Amino acid sequence: MTQVDTNSTESQGSTPEQEDRAIQVLMEEYKTLRAEILQRISSNGQIPGFLVAGTAIVVSVLSISGHGLFRSLGLYISLTVLIGGYTYWRHNKIVYHRIGDHVASLEQEINQRAERAYGSNVGLLTWETYQKQVRADTARSPLAKWRYRLLGWR
């Protein structure tokens, strides 16, 4: 099996066929990472429902058993469920923003290679690069920086 050199600094003199093979490899990585981002976004959408359900179950069980919520461990259990869920949710957001940054660099690499291979300077892939720019533009104010840190955005 032949190896594809995806290092852009060494491929300046490569043929269009070599560029095409490198683009195919980079596109597979791009598709895989985009799928991971979408999976994480989907799981983050489900987390609030699980948190509410878990907290409601704890509160319901304790209220049926006759224990007052504020006089028992129920409050602490509920807070632990909420904090654990928030931590997981925020971690997922941070990870998919990290992946998004890498995908943005892949977009630039693929676009550069496509320009060299096919002579087209049209940006083929731009979504993550655009999202990265939007995040950078909106995170300039101090209030936005704290909001983004709290919500796991960068």
C-alpha atoms as a PDB file:
ATOM      1  CA  MET A   1       0.000   0.000   0.000  1.00  0.00           C
ATOM      2  CA  THR A   2       1.401   3.412  -0.904  1.00  0.00           C
ATOM      3  CA  GLN A   3       1.485   6.236   1.559  1.00  0.00           C
ATOM      4  CA  VAL A   4      -0.052   9.608   0.800  1.00  0.00           C
ATOM      5  CA  ASP A   5       1.983  12.611   1.848  1.00  0.00           C
ATOM      6  CA  THR A   6      -0.437  15.114   3.372  1.00  0.00           C
ATOM      7  CA  ASN A   7       2.286  17.568   4.347  1.00  0.00           C
ATOM      8  CA  SER A   8       1.601  20.697   2.319  1.00  0.00           C
ATOM      9  CA  THR A   9       5.143  22.055   2.534  1.00  0.00           C
ATOM     10  CA  GLU A  10       6.621  19.050   0.762  1.00  0.00           C
ATOM     11  CA  SER A  11       3.908  18.730  -1.883  1.00  0.00           C
ATOM     12  CA  GLN A  12       4.528  21.987  -3.754  1.00  0.00           C
ATOM     13  CA  GLY A  13       5.967  20.104  -6.736  1.00  0.00           C
ATOM     14  CA  SER A  14       3.523  17.183  -6.682  1.00  0.00           C
ATOM     15  CA  THR A  15       1.389  16.106  -9.599  1.00  0.00           C
ATOM     16  CA  PRO A  16      -2.381  16.646  -9.779  1.00  0.00           C
ATOM     17  CA  GLU A  17      -2.885  12.900  -9.224  1.00  0.00           C
ATOM     18  CA  GLN A  18      -0.861  13.012  -6.004  1.00  0.00           C
ATOM     19  CA  GLU A  19      -2.787  16.097  -4.885  1.00  0.00           C
ATOM     20  CA  ASP A  20      -6.052  14.316  -5.699  1.00  0.00           C
ATOM     21  CA  ARG A  21      -5.076  11.297  -3.577  1.00  0.00           C
ATOM     22  CA  ALA A  22      -4.041  13.574  -0.711  1.00  0.00           C
ATOM     23  CA  ILE A  23      -7.348  15.439  -0.997  1.00  0.00           C
ATOM     24  CA  GLN A  24      -9.226  12.141  -0.793  1.00  0.00           C
ATOM     25  CA  VAL A  25      -7.384  11.167   2.389  1.00  0.00           C
ATOM     26  CA  LEU A  26      -7.966  14.583   3.945  1.00  0.00           C
ATOM     27  CA  MET A  27     -11.647  14.459   2.943  1.00  0.00           C
ATOM     28  CA  GLU A  28     -12.068  11.147   4.770  1.00  0.00           C
ATOM     29  CA  GLU A  29     -10.597  12.694   7.907  1.00  0.00           C
ATOM     30  CA  TYR A  30     -12.814  15.739   7.386  1.00  0.00           C
ATOM     31  CA  LYS A  31     -15.955  13.563   7.074  1.00  0.00           C
ATOM     32  CA  THR A  32     -15.038  11.537  10.154  1.00  0.00           C
ATOM     33  CA  LEU A  33     -14.465  14.614  12.294  1.00  0.00           C
ATOM     34  CA  ARG A  34     -17.650  16.304  11.042  1.00  0.00           C
ATOM     35  CA  ALA A  35     -19.576  13.150  11.976  1.00  0.00           C
ATOM     36  CA  GLU A  36     -18.030  13.237  15.460  1.00  0.00           C
ATOM     37  CA  ILE A  37     -19.016  16.890  15.878  1.00  0.00           C
ATOM     38  CA  LEU A  38     -22.594  16.094  14.854  1.00  0.00           C
ATOM     39  CA  GLN A  39     -22.712  13.143  17.256  1.00  0.00           C
ATOM     40  CA  ARG A  40     -21.490  15.325  20.132  1.00  0.00           C
ATOM     41  CA  ILE A  41     -24.009  18.053  19.290  1.00  0.00           C
ATOM     42  CA  SER A  42     -26.754  15.435  19.308  1.00  0.00           C
ATOM     43  CA  SER A  43     -25.683  14.036  22.680  1.00  0.00           C
ATOM     44  CA  ASN A  44     -25.447  17.550  24.129  1.00  0.00           C
ATOM     45  CA  GLY A  45     -29.046  18.113  23.093  1.00  0.00           C
ATOM     46  CA  GLN A  46     -30.111  15.053  25.091  1.00  0.00           C
ATOM     47  CA  ILE A  47     -28.188  15.867  28.272  1.00  0.00           C
ATOM     48  CA  PRO A  48     -30.632  18.514  29.658  1.00  0.00           C
ATOM     49  CA  GLY A  49     -33.500  16.031  29.349  1.00  0.00           C
ATOM     50  CA  PHE A  50     -31.574  13.365  31.240  1.00  0.00           C
ATOM     51  CA  LEU A  51     -30.639  15.883  33.934  1.00  0.00           C
ATOM     52  CA  VAL A  52     -34.228  16.981  34.441  1.00  0.00           C
ATOM     53  CA  ALA A  53     -35.445  13.379  34.449  1.00  0.00           C
ATOM     54  CA  GLY A  54     -32.736  12.255  36.886  1.00  0.00           C
ATOM     55  CA  THR A  55     -33.406  15.128  39.254  1.00  0.00           C
ATOM     56  CA  ALA A  56     -37.175  14.574  39.039  1.00  0.00           C
ATOM     57  CA  ILE A  57     -36.746  10.877  39.860  1.00  0.00           C
ATOM     58  CA  VAL A  58     -34.635  11.657  42.925  1.00  0.00           C
ATOM     59  CA  VAL A  59     -37.094  14.299  44.129  1.00  0.00           C
ATOM     60  CA  SER A  60     -40.099  12.027  43.470  1.00  0.00           C
ATOM     61  CA  VAL A  61     -38.634   9.028  45.272  1.00  0.00           C
ATOM     62  CA  LEU A  62     -37.679  11.118  48.281  1.00  0.00           C
ATOM     63  CA  SER A  63     -41.033  12.893  48.477  1.00  0.00           C
ATOM     64  CA  ILE A  64     -42.954   9.579  48.216  1.00  0.00           C
ATOM     65  CA  SER A  65     -40.804   8.020  50.924  1.00  0.00           C
ATOM     66  CA  GLY A  66     -41.734  10.834  53.303  1.00  0.00           C
ATOM     67  CA  HIS A  67     -38.331  12.470  53.504  1.00  0.00           C
ATOM     68  CA  GLY A  68     -38.217  16.225  53.123  1.00  0.00           C
ATOM     69  CA  LEU A  69     -36.009  17.188  50.221  1.00  0.00           C
ATOM     70  CA  PHE A  70     -34.125  19.858  52.117  1.00  0.00           C
ATOM     71  CA  ARG A  71     -33.635  17.677  55.197  1.00  0.00           C
ATOM     72  CA  SER A  72     -32.158  14.704  53.418  1.00  0.00           C
ATOM     73  CA  LEU A  73     -29.455  13.761  51.009  1.00  0.00           C
ATOM     74  CA  GLY A  74     -31.857  14.319  48.111  1.00  0.00           C
ATOM     75  CA  LEU A  75     -30.737  17.892  47.629  1.00  0.00           C
ATOM     76  CA  TYR A  76     -27.109  16.825  47.486  1.00  0.00           C
ATOM     77  CA  ILE A  77     -27.869  13.947  45.141  1.00  0.00           C
ATOM     78  CA  SER A  78     -29.846  16.252  42.858  1.00  0.00           C
ATOM     79  CA  LEU A  79     -27.046  18.822  42.852  1.00  0.00           C
ATOM     80  CA  THR A  80     -24.505  16.097  42.116  1.00  0.00           C
ATOM     81  CA  VAL A  81     -26.584  14.904  39.158  1.00  0.00           C
ATOM     82  CA  LEU A  82     -26.918  18.460  37.848  1.00  0.00           C
ATOM     83  CA  ILE A  83     -23.246  19.335  38.317  1.00  0.00           C
ATOM     84  CA  GLY A  84     -22.090  16.063  36.777  1.00  0.00           C
ATOM     85  CA  GLY A  85     -24.375  16.569  33.789  1.00  0.00           C
ATOM     86  CA  TYR A  86     -23.288  20.179  33.340  1.00  0.00           C
ATOM     87  CA  THR A  87     -19.623  19.133  33.482  1.00  0.00           C
ATOM     88  CA  TYR A  88     -20.160  16.451  30.851  1.00  0.00           C
ATOM     89  CA  TRP A  89     -22.182  18.844  28.666  1.00  0.00           C
ATOM     90  CA  ARG A  90     -19.521  21.583  28.889  1.00  0.00           C
ATOM     91  CA  HIS A  91     -16.702  19.103  28.195  1.00  0.00           C
ATOM     92  CA  ASN A  92     -18.511  17.936  25.048  1.00  0.00           C
ATOM     93  CA  LYS A  93     -18.843  21.533  23.853  1.00  0.00           C
ATOM     94  CA  ILE A  94     -15.147  22.215  24.434  1.00  0.00           C
ATOM     95  CA  VAL A  95     -14.154  19.026  22.604  1.00  0.00           C
ATOM     96  CA  TYR A  96     -16.291  19.707  19.575  1.00  0.00           C
ATOM     97  CA  HIS A  97     -14.963  23.247  19.334  1.00  0.00           C
ATOM     98  CA  ARG A  98     -11.462  21.778  19.426  1.00  0.00           C
ATOM     99  CA  ILE A  99     -12.408  19.345  16.694  1.00  0.00           C
ATOM    100  CA  GLY A 100     -13.963  22.239  14.781  1.00  0.00           C
ATOM    101  CA  ASP A 101     -10.674  24.123  14.902  1.00  0.00           C
ATOM    102  CA  HIS A 102      -8.898  21.102  13.440  1.00  0.00           C
ATOM    103  CA  VAL A 103     -11.590  20.696  10.790  1.00  0.00           C
ATOM    104  CA  ALA A 104     -11.127  24.379   9.868  1.00  0.00           C
ATOM    105  CA  SER A 105      -7.410  23.736   9.308  1.00  0.00           C
ATOM    106  CA  LEU A 106      -8.325  20.683   7.190  1.00  0.00           C
ATOM    107  CA  GLU A 107     -10.653  22.883   5.138  1.00  0.00           C
ATOM    108  CA  GLN A 108      -7.823  25.282   4.411  1.00  0.00           C
ATOM    109  CA  GLU A 109      -5.472  22.421   3.514  1.00  0.00           C
ATOM    110  CA  ILE A 110      -8.028  20.821   1.191  1.00  0.00           C
ATOM    111  CA  ASN A 111      -8.834  24.154  -0.442  1.00  0.00           C
ATOM    112  CA  GLN A 112      -5.123  24.871  -1.039  1.00  0.00           C
ATOM    113  CA  ARG A 113      -4.554  21.427  -2.516  1.00  0.00           C
ATOM    114  CA  ALA A 114      -7.641  21.728  -4.736  1.00  0.00           C
ATOM    115  CA  GLU A 115      -6.359  25.053  -6.004  1.00  0.00           C
ATOM    116  CA  ARG A 116      -2.988  23.500  -6.870  1.00  0.00           C
ATOM    117  CA  ALA A 117      -4.482  20.333  -8.387  1.00  0.00           C
ATOM    118  CA  TYR A 118      -7.416  21.780 -10.292  1.00  0.00           C
ATOM    119  CA  GLY A 119      -6.542  25.462 -10.672  1.00  0.00           C
ATOM    120  CA  SER A 120      -9.728  26.512  -8.899  1.00  0.00           C
ATOM    121  CA  ASN A 121      -9.429  29.173  -6.224  1.00  0.00           C
ATOM    122  CA  VAL A 122     -13.038  28.760  -5.086  1.00  0.00           C
ATOM    123  CA  GLY A 123     -13.200  27.806  -1.405  1.00  0.00           C
ATOM    124  CA  LEU A 124     -14.736  24.335  -1.576  1.00  0.00           C
ATOM    125  CA  LEU A 125     -15.042  23.856   2.171  1.00  0.00           C
ATOM    126  CA  THR A 126     -15.723  26.870   4.368  1.00  0.00           C
ATOM    127  CA  TRP A 127     -18.236  26.044   7.122  1.00  0.00           C
ATOM    128  CA  GLU A 128     -15.918  25.406  10.094  1.00  0.00           C
ATOM    129  CA  THR A 129     -13.605  28.232   9.026  1.00  0.00           C
ATOM    130  CA  TYR A 130     -16.632  30.540   9.011  1.00  0.00           C
ATOM    131  CA  GLN A 131     -17.800  29.276  12.415  1.00  0.00           C
ATOM    132  CA  LYS A 132     -14.337  29.790  13.874  1.00  0.00           C
ATOM    133  CA  GLN A 133     -14.332  33.374  12.598  1.00  0.00           C
ATOM    134  CA  VAL A 134     -17.803  34.035  14.031  1.00  0.00           C
ATOM    135  CA  ARG A 135     -16.714  32.697  17.437  1.00  0.00           C
ATOM    136  CA  ALA A 136     -13.604  34.861  17.353  1.00  0.00           C
ATOM    137  CA  ASP A 137     -15.580  37.977  16.379  1.00  0.00           C
ATOM    138  CA  THR A 138     -18.282  37.537  19.014  1.00  0.00           C
ATOM    139  CA  ALA A 139     -15.877  36.670  21.836  1.00  0.00           C
ATOM    140  CA  ARG A 140     -14.139  40.038  21.871  1.00  0.00           C
ATOM    141  CA  SER A 141     -16.187  41.657  24.645  1.00  0.00           C
ATOM    142  CA  PRO A 142     -15.408  40.789  28.299  1.00  0.00           C
ATOM    143  CA  LEU A 143     -19.022  39.723  28.929  1.00  0.00           C
ATOM    144  CA  ALA A 144     -18.943  37.380  25.934  1.00  0.00           C
ATOM    145  CA  LYS A 145     -15.665  35.843  27.117  1.00  0.00           C
ATOM    146  CA  TRP A 146     -17.174  34.914  30.489  1.00  0.00           C
ATOM    147  CA  ARG A 147     -20.393  33.677  28.903  1.00  0.00           C
ATOM    148  CA  TYR A 148     -18.372  31.517  26.523  1.00  0.00           C
ATOM    149  CA  ARG A 149     -16.225  30.121  29.341  1.00  0.00           C
ATOM    150  CA  LEU A 150     -19.319  29.235  31.352  1.00  0.00           C
ATOM    151  CA  LEU A 151     -21.015  27.567  28.394  1.00  0.00           C
ATOM    152  CA  GLY A 152     -17.877  25.839  27.112  1.00  0.00           C
ATOM    153  CA  TRP A 153     -17.492  27.908  23.976  1.00  0.00           C
ATOM    154  CA  ARG A 154     -14.234  29.305  22.682  1.00  0.00           C
END
